[in-house]
């Protein structure tokens, strides 16, 4: 199993690299349970975020996962669930 962990800092970085941030949105604040839509990220931005996560962590995320995980906490948990299921490279 992989020992990688996907963190809120990882998500913030990927969101900023992929879609930037709306003015007035403080991604450095307590955003774990804020819905992505309230943070200014619509479905297209989340698909881009998912693609970046897949490339960086070498996992495959179901498109439904990206629509069901409507908060950073939910997405982080889902990504970490995939990471623990992936065998680590020796």
N, C-alpha and C. Protein backbone atom coordinates (compact mmCIF):
# COMPACT_ATOMS: atom_id res chain seq x y z
N UNK A 1 0.83 -1.18 0.00
CA UNK A 1 0.00 0.00 0.00
C UNK A 1 0.87 1.25 0.00
N UNK A 2 0.32 2.31 -0.55
CA UNK A 2 1.04 3.56 -0.60
C UNK A 2 1.10 4.21 0.78
N UNK A 3 2.20 4.89 1.04
CA UNK A 3 2.32 5.62 2.31
C UNK A 3 2.08 7.10 2.09
N UNK A 4 1.73 7.48 0.84
CA UNK A 4 1.44 8.87 0.56
C UNK A 4 0.15 9.29 1.23
N UNK A 5 0.10 10.53 1.63
CA UNK A 5 -1.11 11.09 2.19
C UNK A 5 -1.43 12.39 1.46
N UNK A 6 -2.66 12.53 1.08
CA UNK A 6 -3.13 13.75 0.42
C UNK A 6 -3.66 14.69 1.50
N UNK A 7 -3.11 15.88 1.57
CA UNK A 7 -3.46 16.80 2.64
C UNK A 7 -4.21 18.03 2.12
N UNK A 8 -4.70 18.82 3.05
CA UNK A 8 -5.36 20.08 2.68
C UNK A 8 -4.38 21.00 1.95
N UNK A 9 -3.14 21.03 2.38
CA UNK A 9 -2.13 21.84 1.69
C UNK A 9 -1.94 21.37 0.26
N UNK A 10 -1.94 20.05 0.04
CA UNK A 10 -1.83 19.52 -1.32
C UNK A 10 -3.02 19.98 -2.16
N UNK A 11 -4.21 19.89 -1.58
CA UNK A 11 -5.41 20.31 -2.31
C UNK A 11 -5.37 21.80 -2.62
N UNK A 12 -4.99 22.61 -1.65
CA UNK A 12 -4.89 24.06 -1.91
C UNK A 12 -3.95 24.35 -3.08
N UNK A 13 -2.79 23.71 -3.06
CA UNK A 13 -1.80 23.93 -4.11
C UNK A 13 -2.38 23.53 -5.47
N UNK A 14 -3.01 22.39 -5.54
CA UNK A 14 -3.55 21.90 -6.82
C UNK A 14 -4.69 22.79 -7.29
N UNK A 15 -5.54 23.22 -6.37
CA UNK A 15 -6.64 24.13 -6.76
C UNK A 15 -6.07 25.42 -7.33
N UNK A 16 -5.07 25.97 -6.67
CA UNK A 16 -4.49 27.24 -7.13
C UNK A 16 -3.77 27.07 -8.46
N UNK A 17 -3.05 25.97 -8.62
CA UNK A 17 -2.34 25.73 -9.89
C UNK A 17 -3.31 25.50 -11.04
N UNK A 18 -4.40 24.82 -10.76
CA UNK A 18 -5.32 24.45 -11.83
C UNK A 18 -6.37 25.47 -12.16
N UNK A 19 -6.90 26.12 -11.15
CA UNK A 19 -8.03 27.01 -11.39
C UNK A 19 -7.88 28.37 -10.74
N UNK A 20 -6.81 28.57 -10.00
CA UNK A 20 -6.66 29.84 -9.32
C UNK A 20 -7.66 29.96 -8.19
N UNK A 21 -7.89 31.18 -7.74
CA UNK A 21 -8.85 31.41 -6.66
C UNK A 21 -9.60 32.70 -6.93
N UNK A 22 -10.88 32.69 -6.59
CA UNK A 22 -11.67 33.91 -6.71
C UNK A 22 -11.18 34.94 -5.70
N UNK A 23 -11.29 36.21 -6.11
CA UNK A 23 -10.98 37.26 -5.15
C UNK A 23 -11.96 37.14 -3.99
N UNK A 24 -11.48 37.36 -2.81
CA UNK A 24 -12.34 37.30 -1.65
C UNK A 24 -12.43 35.92 -1.03
N UNK A 25 -11.82 34.93 -1.68
CA UNK A 25 -11.80 33.58 -1.11
C UNK A 25 -10.44 33.34 -0.49
N UNK A 26 -10.44 33.03 0.79
CA UNK A 26 -9.20 32.79 1.51
C UNK A 26 -9.01 31.28 1.66
N UNK A 27 -8.23 30.71 0.76
CA UNK A 27 -8.01 29.27 0.84
C UNK A 27 -7.15 28.89 2.03
N UNK A 28 -6.50 29.87 2.64
CA UNK A 28 -5.68 29.58 3.82
C UNK A 28 -6.52 29.50 5.09
N UNK A 29 -7.79 29.85 5.00
CA UNK A 29 -8.66 29.81 6.16
C UNK A 29 -9.17 28.39 6.42
N UNK A 30 -10.14 28.28 7.30
CA UNK A 30 -10.74 26.99 7.65
C UNK A 30 -11.76 26.63 6.57
N UNK A 31 -11.31 25.91 5.56
CA UNK A 31 -12.17 25.61 4.41
C UNK A 31 -12.56 24.14 4.33
N UNK A 32 -12.15 23.33 5.27
CA UNK A 32 -12.38 21.89 5.16
C UNK A 32 -13.83 21.52 4.88
N UNK A 33 -14.76 22.21 5.52
CA UNK A 33 -16.17 21.85 5.38
C UNK A 33 -16.97 22.86 4.57
N UNK A 34 -16.27 23.71 3.83
CA UNK A 34 -16.95 24.68 2.96
C UNK A 34 -17.15 24.03 1.59
N UNK A 35 -18.34 24.14 1.06
CA UNK A 35 -18.60 23.53 -0.24
C UNK A 35 -17.75 24.21 -1.32
N UNK A 36 -17.29 23.39 -2.27
CA UNK A 36 -16.44 23.91 -3.34
C UNK A 36 -17.12 25.07 -4.07
N UNK A 37 -18.41 24.95 -4.27
CA UNK A 37 -19.13 26.00 -4.98
C UNK A 37 -19.01 27.33 -4.24
N UNK A 38 -19.07 27.30 -2.92
CA UNK A 38 -18.93 28.52 -2.12
C UNK A 38 -17.51 29.07 -2.19
N UNK A 39 -16.56 28.19 -2.48
CA UNK A 39 -15.16 28.62 -2.63
C UNK A 39 -14.88 29.12 -4.04
N UNK A 40 -15.87 29.01 -4.92
CA UNK A 40 -15.72 29.51 -6.28
C UNK A 40 -15.28 28.46 -7.28
N UNK A 41 -15.36 27.19 -6.90
CA UNK A 41 -14.94 26.11 -7.80
C UNK A 41 -16.17 25.36 -8.30
N UNK A 42 -16.41 25.49 -9.60
CA UNK A 42 -17.52 24.80 -10.24
C UNK A 42 -17.04 23.43 -10.73
N UNK A 43 -17.93 22.71 -11.37
CA UNK A 43 -17.62 21.33 -11.77
C UNK A 43 -16.42 21.24 -12.71
N UNK A 44 -16.26 22.17 -13.63
CA UNK A 44 -15.13 22.11 -14.56
C UNK A 44 -13.81 22.27 -13.80
N UNK A 45 -13.79 23.17 -12.85
CA UNK A 45 -12.57 23.36 -12.05
C UNK A 45 -12.27 22.11 -11.22
N UNK A 46 -13.31 21.45 -10.76
CA UNK A 46 -13.09 20.23 -9.97
C UNK A 46 -12.62 19.08 -10.85
N UNK A 47 -13.10 19.03 -12.08
CA UNK A 47 -12.60 18.00 -13.00
C UNK A 47 -11.12 18.22 -13.28
N UNK A 48 -10.73 19.48 -13.47
CA UNK A 48 -9.31 19.80 -13.67
C UNK A 48 -8.52 19.42 -12.43
N UNK A 49 -9.06 19.72 -11.26
CA UNK A 49 -8.40 19.36 -10.01
C UNK A 49 -8.24 17.85 -9.92
N UNK A 50 -9.28 17.12 -10.27
CA UNK A 50 -9.20 15.66 -10.24
C UNK A 50 -8.14 15.13 -11.20
N UNK A 51 -8.06 15.72 -12.38
CA UNK A 51 -7.05 15.29 -13.35
C UNK A 51 -5.65 15.53 -12.81
N UNK A 52 -5.46 16.65 -12.17
CA UNK A 52 -4.14 16.95 -11.60
C UNK A 52 -3.80 15.99 -10.46
N UNK A 53 -4.78 15.67 -9.66
CA UNK A 53 -4.54 14.71 -8.57
C UNK A 53 -4.17 13.35 -9.15
N UNK A 54 -4.91 12.94 -10.17
CA UNK A 54 -4.63 11.63 -10.80
C UNK A 54 -3.21 11.57 -11.34
N UNK A 55 -2.80 12.63 -12.04
CA UNK A 55 -1.45 12.63 -12.62
C UNK A 55 -0.38 12.64 -11.53
N UNK A 56 -0.57 13.47 -10.54
CA UNK A 56 0.46 13.61 -9.52
C UNK A 56 0.56 12.38 -8.62
N UNK A 57 -0.57 11.78 -8.29
CA UNK A 57 -0.58 10.66 -7.34
C UNK A 57 -0.74 9.30 -8.02
N UNK A 58 -0.83 9.33 -9.35
CA UNK A 58 -0.92 8.09 -10.14
C UNK A 58 -2.06 7.19 -9.66
N UNK A 59 -3.22 7.81 -9.53
CA UNK A 59 -4.43 7.09 -9.18
C UNK A 59 -5.51 7.46 -10.19
N UNK A 60 -6.58 6.70 -10.20
CA UNK A 60 -7.72 7.00 -11.06
C UNK A 60 -8.91 7.30 -10.16
N UNK A 61 -9.48 8.47 -10.36
CA UNK A 61 -10.64 8.88 -9.57
C UNK A 61 -11.89 8.78 -10.43
N UNK A 62 -12.91 8.20 -9.88
CA UNK A 62 -14.20 8.12 -10.57
C UNK A 62 -14.79 9.52 -10.68
N UNK A 63 -15.35 9.83 -11.85
CA UNK A 63 -15.92 11.15 -12.05
C UNK A 63 -17.02 11.44 -11.02
N UNK A 64 -17.77 10.40 -10.62
CA UNK A 64 -18.82 10.59 -9.62
C UNK A 64 -18.23 11.01 -8.28
N UNK A 65 -17.03 10.53 -7.99
CA UNK A 65 -16.37 10.91 -6.73
C UNK A 65 -16.20 12.43 -6.68
N UNK A 66 -15.83 13.02 -7.82
CA UNK A 66 -15.58 14.46 -7.85
C UNK A 66 -16.87 15.25 -7.68
N UNK A 67 -17.98 14.70 -8.10
CA UNK A 67 -19.24 15.42 -7.93
C UNK A 67 -19.83 15.15 -6.54
N UNK A 68 -19.56 13.96 -6.00
CA UNK A 68 -20.08 13.63 -4.67
C UNK A 68 -19.29 14.30 -3.55
N UNK A 69 -17.99 14.47 -3.75
CA UNK A 69 -17.15 15.10 -2.73
C UNK A 69 -17.29 16.61 -2.89
N UNK A 70 -18.23 17.18 -2.14
CA UNK A 70 -18.54 18.59 -2.34
C UNK A 70 -17.80 19.54 -1.40
N UNK A 71 -16.94 18.99 -0.56
CA UNK A 71 -16.12 19.82 0.33
C UNK A 71 -14.67 19.33 0.26
N UNK A 72 -13.74 20.18 0.63
CA UNK A 72 -12.34 19.73 0.68
C UNK A 72 -12.17 18.50 1.58
N UNK A 73 -12.83 18.45 2.73
CA UNK A 73 -12.69 17.30 3.62
C UNK A 73 -13.12 16.00 2.91
N UNK A 74 -14.24 16.07 2.21
CA UNK A 74 -14.73 14.88 1.52
C UNK A 74 -13.78 14.45 0.40
N UNK A 75 -13.24 15.41 -0.34
CA UNK A 75 -12.33 15.07 -1.44
C UNK A 75 -11.02 14.51 -0.89
N UNK A 76 -10.50 15.11 0.16
CA UNK A 76 -9.25 14.61 0.77
C UNK A 76 -9.45 13.18 1.25
N UNK A 77 -10.57 12.91 1.90
CA UNK A 77 -10.84 11.55 2.39
C UNK A 77 -10.93 10.57 1.23
N UNK A 78 -11.60 10.97 0.17
CA UNK A 78 -11.74 10.08 -0.99
C UNK A 78 -10.38 9.81 -1.65
N UNK A 79 -9.58 10.84 -1.80
CA UNK A 79 -8.26 10.65 -2.42
C UNK A 79 -7.41 9.76 -1.53
N UNK A 80 -7.42 10.01 -0.23
CA UNK A 80 -6.63 9.16 0.67
C UNK A 80 -7.13 7.72 0.66
N UNK A 81 -8.41 7.52 0.48
CA UNK A 81 -8.94 6.17 0.35
C UNK A 81 -8.37 5.45 -0.87
N UNK A 82 -8.20 6.19 -1.97
CA UNK A 82 -7.59 5.62 -3.17
C UNK A 82 -6.10 5.37 -2.95
N UNK A 83 -5.43 6.30 -2.27
CA UNK A 83 -3.99 6.15 -2.05
C UNK A 83 -3.67 4.92 -1.20
N UNK A 84 -4.49 4.65 -0.22
CA UNK A 84 -4.21 3.49 0.63
C UNK A 84 -4.50 2.18 -0.09
N UNK A 85 -5.30 2.26 -1.15
CA UNK A 85 -5.62 1.05 -1.91
C UNK A 85 -4.59 0.76 -3.00
N UNK A 86 -3.72 1.76 -3.29
CA UNK A 86 -2.72 1.60 -4.35
C UNK A 86 -1.44 1.00 -3.77
N UNK A 87 -0.96 -0.09 -4.37
CA UNK A 87 0.33 -0.63 -3.90
C UNK A 87 1.43 0.39 -4.13
N UNK A 88 2.32 0.55 -3.16
CA UNK A 88 3.42 1.50 -3.31
C UNK A 88 4.51 0.88 -4.18
N UNK A 89 5.20 1.75 -4.90
CA UNK A 89 6.32 1.30 -5.73
C UNK A 89 7.48 0.92 -4.82
N UNK A 90 8.11 -0.17 -5.14
CA UNK A 90 9.24 -0.60 -4.30
C UNK A 90 10.52 0.03 -4.75
